[in-house]
Structures are given as C-alpha cells and as structure tokens.
C-alpha cells in the first residue's frame, strides 16, 4: 500500500491510499528512486536545454515589498 494523491476542487492535493478515487486515477506521492548511474541524464539535459527549462536559462527576480516579506 502506497500513499497516493489527486487534485481536489480547490487545486490542493488530496491524499489517499486508493488507486482510483471518484473515478480519477491517483498519482504516487513518493519521489522516483535515485540512481547514481543515471542512464538518461544526457537526454534530459538536452531536452531541457532545447526548451529553455534549465535553471541557468531562466531569469529569476526576487522582489519584496517590505522587509517582513523577506
């Protein structure tokens, strides 16, 4: 039995142990296994570079209205 989730009406995650909830297939709430021998890392990086999804290709601007927001 694994922890599963689906999106609720308000957009938040609803956790359950069921594979199907209200006719909707749930997703696993656990991350994928980590492997130091990652056979597909080159392809993933190539695709991210092609579509501009690498962190080095994105511009992040941190703007805070007040010191309390920091």
PDB file of N, CA and C in Angstrom:
ATOM      1  N   UNK A   1       0.838  -1.171   0.000  1.00  0.00           N
ATOM      2  CA  UNK A   1       0.000   0.000   0.000  1.00  0.00           C
ATOM      3  C   UNK A   1       0.890   1.244   0.000  1.00  0.00           C
ATOM      4  N   UNK A   2       0.647   2.141  -0.920  1.00  0.00           N
ATOM      5  CA  UNK A   2       1.447   3.354  -1.049  1.00  0.00           C
ATOM      6  C   UNK A   2       0.553   4.577  -0.933  1.00  0.00           C
ATOM      7  N   UNK A   3       1.152   5.649  -0.462  1.00  0.00           N
ATOM      8  CA  UNK A   3       0.423   6.904  -0.357  1.00  0.00           C
ATOM      9  C   UNK A   3       0.250   7.499  -1.749  1.00  0.00           C
ATOM     10  N   UNK A   4      -0.981   7.837  -2.101  1.00  0.00           N
ATOM     11  CA  UNK A   4      -1.310   8.383  -3.413  1.00  0.00           C
ATOM     12  C   UNK A   4      -1.962   9.750  -3.218  1.00  0.00           C
ATOM     13  N   UNK A   5      -2.053  10.532  -4.298  1.00  0.00           N
ATOM     14  CA  UNK A   5      -2.732  11.825  -4.210  1.00  0.00           C
ATOM     15  C   UNK A   5      -3.447  12.132  -5.514  1.00  0.00           C
ATOM     16  N   UNK A   6      -4.391  13.037  -5.416  1.00  0.00           N
ATOM     17  CA  UNK A   6      -5.093  13.590  -6.571  1.00  0.00           C
ATOM     18  C   UNK A   6      -5.389  15.053  -6.262  1.00  0.00           C
ATOM     19  N   UNK A   7      -5.708  15.828  -7.269  1.00  0.00           N
ATOM     20  CA  UNK A   7      -6.016  17.244  -7.052  1.00  0.00           C
ATOM     21  C   UNK A   7      -7.461  17.400  -6.614  1.00  0.00           C
ATOM     22  N   UNK A   8      -7.673  18.187  -5.571  1.00  0.00           N
ATOM     23  CA  UNK A   8      -9.015  18.460  -5.083  1.00  0.00           C
ATOM     24  C   UNK A   8      -9.665  19.584  -5.875  1.00  0.00           C
ATOM     25  N   UNK A   9     -10.895  19.934  -5.546  1.00  0.00           N
ATOM     26  CA  UNK A   9     -11.602  21.001  -6.268  1.00  0.00           C
ATOM     27  C   UNK A   9     -10.943  22.373  -6.112  1.00  0.00           C
ATOM     28  N   UNK A  10     -10.210  22.571  -5.014  1.00  0.00           N
ATOM     29  CA  UNK A  10      -9.531  23.852  -4.795  1.00  0.00           C
ATOM     30  C   UNK A  10      -8.092  23.848  -5.314  1.00  0.00           C
ATOM     31  N   UNK A  11      -7.673  22.748  -5.954  1.00  0.00           N
ATOM     32  CA  UNK A  11      -6.335  22.664  -6.516  1.00  0.00           C
ATOM     33  C   UNK A  11      -5.297  22.087  -5.577  1.00  0.00           C
ATOM     34  N   UNK A  12      -5.662  21.856  -4.331  1.00  0.00           N
ATOM     35  CA  UNK A  12      -4.731  21.291  -3.364  1.00  0.00           C
ATOM     36  C   UNK A  12      -4.727  19.774  -3.487  1.00  0.00           C
ATOM     37  N   UNK A  13      -3.663  19.165  -3.007  1.00  0.00           N
ATOM     38  CA  UNK A  13      -3.558  17.710  -3.062  1.00  0.00           C
ATOM     39  C   UNK A  13      -4.448  17.056  -2.013  1.00  0.00           C
ATOM     40  N   UNK A  14      -5.117  15.984  -2.437  1.00  0.00           N
ATOM     41  CA  UNK A  14      -5.924  15.171  -1.538  1.00  0.00           C
ATOM     42  C   UNK A  14      -5.242  13.813  -1.474  1.00  0.00           C
ATOM     43  N   UNK A  15      -4.762  13.424  -0.302  1.00  0.00           N
ATOM     44  CA  UNK A  15      -4.019  12.185  -0.145  1.00  0.00           C
ATOM     45  C   UNK A  15      -4.953  11.038   0.198  1.00  0.00           C
ATOM     46  N   UNK A  16      -4.615   9.855  -0.338  1.00  0.00           N
ATOM     47  CA  UNK A  16      -5.425   8.669  -0.124  1.00  0.00           C
ATOM     48  C   UNK A  16      -4.541   7.439  -0.297  1.00  0.00           C
ATOM     49  N   UNK A  17      -5.071   6.276   0.044  1.00  0.00           N
ATOM     50  CA  UNK A  17      -4.371   5.019  -0.190  1.00  0.00           C
ATOM     51  C   UNK A  17      -4.959   4.269  -1.376  1.00  0.00           C
ATOM     52  N   UNK A  18      -5.998   4.819  -1.987  1.00  0.00           N
ATOM     53  CA  UNK A  18      -6.677   4.155  -3.097  1.00  0.00           C
ATOM     54  C   UNK A  18      -5.989   4.467  -4.422  1.00  0.00           C
ATOM     55  N   UNK A  19      -6.068   3.522  -5.357  1.00  0.00           N
ATOM     56  CA  UNK A  19      -5.508   3.723  -6.697  1.00  0.00           C
ATOM     57  C   UNK A  19      -6.433   4.575  -7.561  1.00  0.00           C
ATOM     58  N   UNK A  20      -7.750   4.467  -7.338  1.00  0.00           N
ATOM     59  CA  UNK A  20      -8.743   5.241  -8.079  1.00  0.00           C
ATOM     60  C   UNK A  20      -9.659   5.903  -7.059  1.00  0.00           C
ATOM     61  N   UNK A  21      -9.830   7.215  -7.158  1.00  0.00           N
ATOM     62  CA  UNK A  21     -10.660   7.959  -6.222  1.00  0.00           C
ATOM     63  C   UNK A  21     -11.678   8.764  -7.014  1.00  0.00           C
ATOM     64  N   UNK A  22     -12.950   8.476  -6.822  1.00  0.00           N
ATOM     65  CA  UNK A  22     -14.045   9.156  -7.521  1.00  0.00           C
ATOM     66  C   UNK A  22     -13.891   9.061  -9.043  1.00  0.00           C
ATOM     67  N   UNK A  23     -13.459   7.906  -9.520  1.00  0.00           N
ATOM     68  CA  UNK A  23     -13.310   7.688 -10.953  1.00  0.00           C
ATOM     69  C   UNK A  23     -12.068   8.308 -11.564  1.00  0.00           C
ATOM     70  N   UNK A  24     -11.201   8.885 -10.756  1.00  0.00           N
ATOM     71  CA  UNK A  24      -9.975   9.521 -11.237  1.00  0.00           C
ATOM     72  C   UNK A  24      -8.770   8.734 -10.731  1.00  0.00           C
ATOM     73  N   UNK A  25      -7.843   8.426 -11.632  1.00  0.00           N
ATOM     74  CA  UNK A  25      -6.648   7.681 -11.257  1.00  0.00           C
ATOM     75  C   UNK A  25      -5.742   8.588 -10.434  1.00  0.00           C
ATOM     76  N   UNK A  26      -5.248   8.080  -9.299  1.00  0.00           N
ATOM     77  CA  UNK A  26      -4.390   8.866  -8.419  1.00  0.00           C
ATOM     78  C   UNK A  26      -2.931   8.710  -8.819  1.00  0.00           C
ATOM     79  N   UNK A  27      -2.090   9.626  -8.343  1.00  0.00           N
ATOM     80  CA  UNK A  27      -0.655   9.606  -8.628  1.00  0.00           C
ATOM     81  C   UNK A  27       0.096   9.264  -7.353  1.00  0.00           C
ATOM     82  N   UNK A  28       1.277   8.702  -7.505  1.00  0.00           N
ATOM     83  CA  UNK A  28       2.092   8.343  -6.354  1.00  0.00           C
ATOM     84  C   UNK A  28       2.601   9.607  -5.661  1.00  0.00           C
ATOM     85  N   UNK A  29       2.568   9.604  -4.336  1.00  0.00           N
ATOM     86  CA  UNK A  29       3.045  10.746  -3.554  1.00  0.00           C
ATOM     87  C   UNK A  29       4.524  10.600  -3.196  1.00  0.00           C
ATOM     88  N   UNK A  30       5.162   9.544  -3.695  1.00  0.00           N
ATOM     89  CA  UNK A  30       6.563   9.287  -3.386  1.00  0.00           C
ATOM     90  C   UNK A  30       7.442   9.695  -4.566  1.00  0.00           C
ATOM     91  N   UNK A  31       8.627  10.243  -4.298  1.00  0.00           N
ATOM     92  CA  UNK A  31       9.519  10.616  -5.401  1.00  0.00           C
ATOM     93  C   UNK A  31      10.096   9.373  -6.078  1.00  0.00           C
ATOM     94  N   UNK A  32      10.589   9.550  -7.282  1.00  0.00           N
ATOM     95  CA  UNK A  32      11.212   8.441  -8.001  1.00  0.00           C
ATOM     96  C   UNK A  32      12.506   8.043  -7.299  1.00  0.00           C
ATOM     97  N   UNK A  33      12.912   6.816  -7.494  1.00  0.00           N
ATOM     98  CA  UNK A  33      14.152   6.346  -6.887  1.00  0.00           C
ATOM     99  C   UNK A  33      15.343   7.073  -7.487  1.00  0.00           C
ATOM    100  N   UNK A  34      16.338   7.313  -6.643  1.00  0.00           N
ATOM    101  CA  UNK A  34      17.560   7.958  -7.106  1.00  0.00           C
ATOM    102  C   UNK A  34      18.564   6.885  -7.487  1.00  0.00           C
ATOM    103  N   UNK A  35      19.223   7.071  -8.604  1.00  0.00           N
ATOM    104  CA  UNK A  35      20.262   6.153  -9.040  1.00  0.00           C
ATOM    105  C   UNK A  35      21.490   6.963  -9.441  1.00  0.00           C
ATOM    106  N   UNK A  36      22.645   6.689  -8.839  1.00  0.00           N
ATOM    107  CA  UNK A  36      23.851   7.411  -9.242  1.00  0.00           C
ATOM    108  C   UNK A  36      24.260   7.076 -10.678  1.00  0.00           C
ATOM    109  N   UNK A  37      23.837   5.901 -11.167  1.00  0.00           N
ATOM    110  CA  UNK A  37      24.105   5.503 -12.545  1.00  0.00           C
ATOM    111  C   UNK A  37      22.896   5.870 -13.392  1.00  0.00           C
ATOM    112  N   UNK A  38      22.745   7.166 -13.662  1.00  0.00           N
ATOM    113  CA  UNK A  38      21.585   7.668 -14.400  1.00  0.00           C
ATOM    114  C   UNK A  38      21.856   7.555 -15.895  1.00  0.00           C
ATOM    115  N   UNK A  39      21.165   6.638 -16.554  1.00  0.00           N
ATOM    116  CA  UNK A  39      21.414   6.372 -17.967  1.00  0.00           C
ATOM    117  C   UNK A  39      20.793   7.417 -18.883  1.00  0.00           C
ATOM    118  N   UNK A  40      19.835   8.187 -18.396  1.00  0.00           N
ATOM    119  CA  UNK A  40      19.092   9.104 -19.261  1.00  0.00           C
ATOM    120  C   UNK A  40      19.358  10.573 -18.953  1.00  0.00           C
ATOM    121  N   UNK A  41      20.377  10.887 -18.170  1.00  0.00           N
ATOM    122  CA  UNK A  41      20.621  12.282 -17.787  1.00  0.00           C
ATOM    123  C   UNK A  41      20.986  13.142 -18.998  1.00  0.00           C
ATOM    124  N   UNK A  42      21.751  12.608 -19.933  1.00  0.00           N
ATOM    125  CA  UNK A  42      22.134  13.386 -21.117  1.00  0.00           C
ATOM    126  C   UNK A  42      20.907  13.790 -21.928  1.00  0.00           C
ATOM    127  N   UNK A  43      19.972  12.868 -22.114  1.00  0.00           N
ATOM    128  CA  UNK A  43      18.765  13.168 -22.878  1.00  0.00           C
ATOM    129  C   UNK A  43      17.897  14.189 -22.160  1.00  0.00           C
ATOM    130  N   UNK A  44      17.807  14.078 -20.823  1.00  0.00           N
ATOM    131  CA  UNK A  44      17.010  15.030 -20.048  1.00  0.00           C
ATOM    132  C   UNK A  44      17.585  16.438 -20.146  1.00  0.00           C
ATOM    133  N   UNK A  45      18.898  16.552 -20.014  1.00  0.00           N
ATOM    134  CA  UNK A  45      19.546  17.864 -20.093  1.00  0.00           C
ATOM    135  C   UNK A  45      19.397  18.444 -21.495  1.00  0.00           C
ATOM    136  N   UNK A  46      19.522  17.605 -22.525  1.00  0.00           N
ATOM    137  CA  UNK A  46      19.356  18.071 -23.906  1.00  0.00           C
ATOM    138  C   UNK A  46      17.959  18.626 -24.130  1.00  0.00           C
ATOM    139  N   UNK A  47      16.936  17.926 -23.647  1.00  0.00           N
ATOM    140  CA  UNK A  47      15.562  18.401 -23.805  1.00  0.00           C
ATOM    141  C   UNK A  47      15.316  19.686 -23.030  1.00  0.00           C
ATOM    142  N   UNK A  48      15.840  19.760 -21.805  1.00  0.00           N
ATOM    143  CA  UNK A  48      15.662  20.980 -21.015  1.00  0.00           C
ATOM    144  C   UNK A  48      16.360  22.164 -21.685  1.00  0.00           C
ATOM    145  N   UNK A  49      17.543  21.922 -22.244  1.00  0.00           N
ATOM    146  CA  UNK A  49      18.254  22.996 -22.940  1.00  0.00           C
ATOM    147  C   UNK A  49      17.477  23.428 -24.180  1.00  0.00           C
ATOM    148  N   UNK A  50      16.915  22.472 -24.909  1.00  0.00           N
ATOM    149  CA  UNK A  50      16.177  22.773 -26.135  1.00  0.00           C
ATOM    150  C   UNK A  50      14.946  23.626 -25.860  1.00  0.00           C
ATOM    151  N   UNK A  51      14.250  23.342 -24.760  1.00  0.00           N
ATOM    152  CA  UNK A  51      13.011  24.057 -24.460  1.00  0.00           C
ATOM    153  C   UNK A  51      13.198  25.187 -23.446  1.00  0.00           C
ATOM    154  N   UNK A  52      14.451  25.501 -23.104  1.00  0.00           N
ATOM    155  CA  UNK A  52      14.732  26.631 -22.225  1.00  0.00           C
ATOM    156  C   UNK A  52      14.312  26.418 -20.785  1.00  0.00           C
ATOM    157  N   UNK A  53      14.427  25.183 -20.294  1.00  0.00           N
ATOM    158  CA  UNK A  53      13.979  24.883 -18.941  1.00  0.00           C
ATOM    159  C   UNK A  53      15.115  24.726 -17.938  1.00  0.00           C
ATOM    160  N   UNK A  54      16.360  24.880 -18.376  1.00  0.00           N
ATOM    161  CA  UNK A  54      17.468  24.791 -17.435  1.00  0.00           C
ATOM    162  C   UNK A  54      17.437  25.989 -16.494  1.00  0.00           C
ATOM    163  N   UNK A  55      17.882  25.789 -15.267  1.00  0.00           N
ATOM    164  CA  UNK A  55      17.880  26.889 -14.300  1.00  0.00           C
ATOM    165  C   UNK A  55      18.779  28.033 -14.755  1.00  0.00           C
ATOM    166  N   UNK A  56      19.836  27.723 -15.491  1.00  0.00           N
ATOM    167  CA  UNK A  56      20.726  28.780 -15.974  1.00  0.00           C
ATOM    168  C   UNK A  56      20.100  29.587 -17.099  1.00  0.00           C
ATOM    169  N   UNK A  57      19.031  29.083 -17.717  1.00  0.00           N
ATOM    170  CA  UNK A  57      18.365  29.787 -18.808  1.00  0.00           C
ATOM    171  C   UNK A  57      17.182  30.616 -18.327  1.00  0.00           C
ATOM    172  N   UNK A  58      16.868  30.541 -17.054  1.00  0.00           N
ATOM    173  CA  UNK A  58      15.704  31.245 -16.547  1.00  0.00           C
ATOM    174  C   UNK A  58      16.142  32.473 -15.774  1.00  0.00           C
ATOM    175  N   UNK A  59      15.331  33.507 -15.855  1.00  0.00           N
ATOM    176  CA  UNK A  59      15.638  34.724 -15.115  1.00  0.00           C
ATOM    177  C   UNK A  59      14.701  34.807 -13.918  1.00  0.00           C
ATOM    178  N   UNK A  60      15.305  34.853 -12.757  1.00  0.00           N
ATOM    179  CA  UNK A  60      14.534  34.958 -11.525  1.00  0.00           C
ATOM    180  C   UNK A  60      14.764  36.336 -10.942  1.00  0.00           C
ATOM    181  N   UNK A  61      13.686  36.995 -10.613  1.00  0.00           N
ATOM    182  CA  UNK A  61      13.787  38.293  -9.965  1.00  0.00           C
ATOM    183  C   UNK A  61      13.115  38.185  -8.617  1.00  0.00           C
ATOM    184  N   UNK A  62      13.867  38.460  -7.589  1.00  0.00           N
ATOM    185  CA  UNK A  62      13.303  38.472  -6.253  1.00  0.00           C
ATOM    186  C   UNK A  62      12.943  39.906  -5.912  1.00  0.00           C
ATOM    187  N   UNK A  63      11.681  40.134  -5.702  1.00  0.00           N
ATOM    188  CA  UNK A  63      11.256  41.475  -5.325  1.00  0.00           C
ATOM    189  C   UNK A  63      10.351  41.359  -4.105  1.00  0.00           C
ATOM    190  N   UNK A  64      10.695  42.097  -3.099  1.00  0.00           N
ATOM    191  CA  UNK A  64       9.938  42.081  -1.859  1.00  0.00           C
ATOM    192  C   UNK A  64       9.423  43.484  -1.584  1.00  0.00           C
ATOM    193  N   UNK A  65       8.176  43.566  -1.207  1.00  0.00           N
ATOM    194  CA  UNK A  65       7.571  44.868  -0.955  1.00  0.00           C
ATOM    195  C   UNK A  65       8.112  45.474   0.334  1.00  0.00           C
ATOM    196  N   UNK A  66       8.243  44.648   1.361  1.00  0.00           N
ATOM    197  CA  UNK A  66       8.712  45.147   2.651  1.00  0.00           C
ATOM    198  C   UNK A  66       9.745  44.182   3.214  1.00  0.00           C
ATOM    199  N   UNK A  67      10.396  44.592   4.266  1.00  0.00           N
ATOM    200  CA  UNK A  67      11.390  43.742   4.907  1.00  0.00           C
ATOM    201  C   UNK A  67      10.739  42.522   5.553  1.00  0.00           C
ATOM    202  N   UNK A  68       9.467  42.616   5.935  1.00  0.00           N
ATOM    203  CA  UNK A  68       8.787  41.484   6.564  1.00  0.00           C
ATOM    204  C   UNK A  68       8.564  40.347   5.564  1.00  0.00           C
ATOM    205  N   UNK A  69       8.454  40.683   4.267  1.00  0.00           N
ATOM    206  CA  UNK A  69       8.259  39.657   3.250  1.00  0.00           C
ATOM    207  C   UNK A  69       9.510  38.821   3.042  1.00  0.00           C
ATOM    208  N   UNK A  70      10.653  39.352   3.421  1.00  0.00           N
ATOM    209  CA  UNK A  70      11.913  38.658   3.240  1.00  0.00           C
ATOM    210  C   UNK A  70      11.908  37.455   4.106  1.00  0.00           C
TER     211      UNK A  70
END
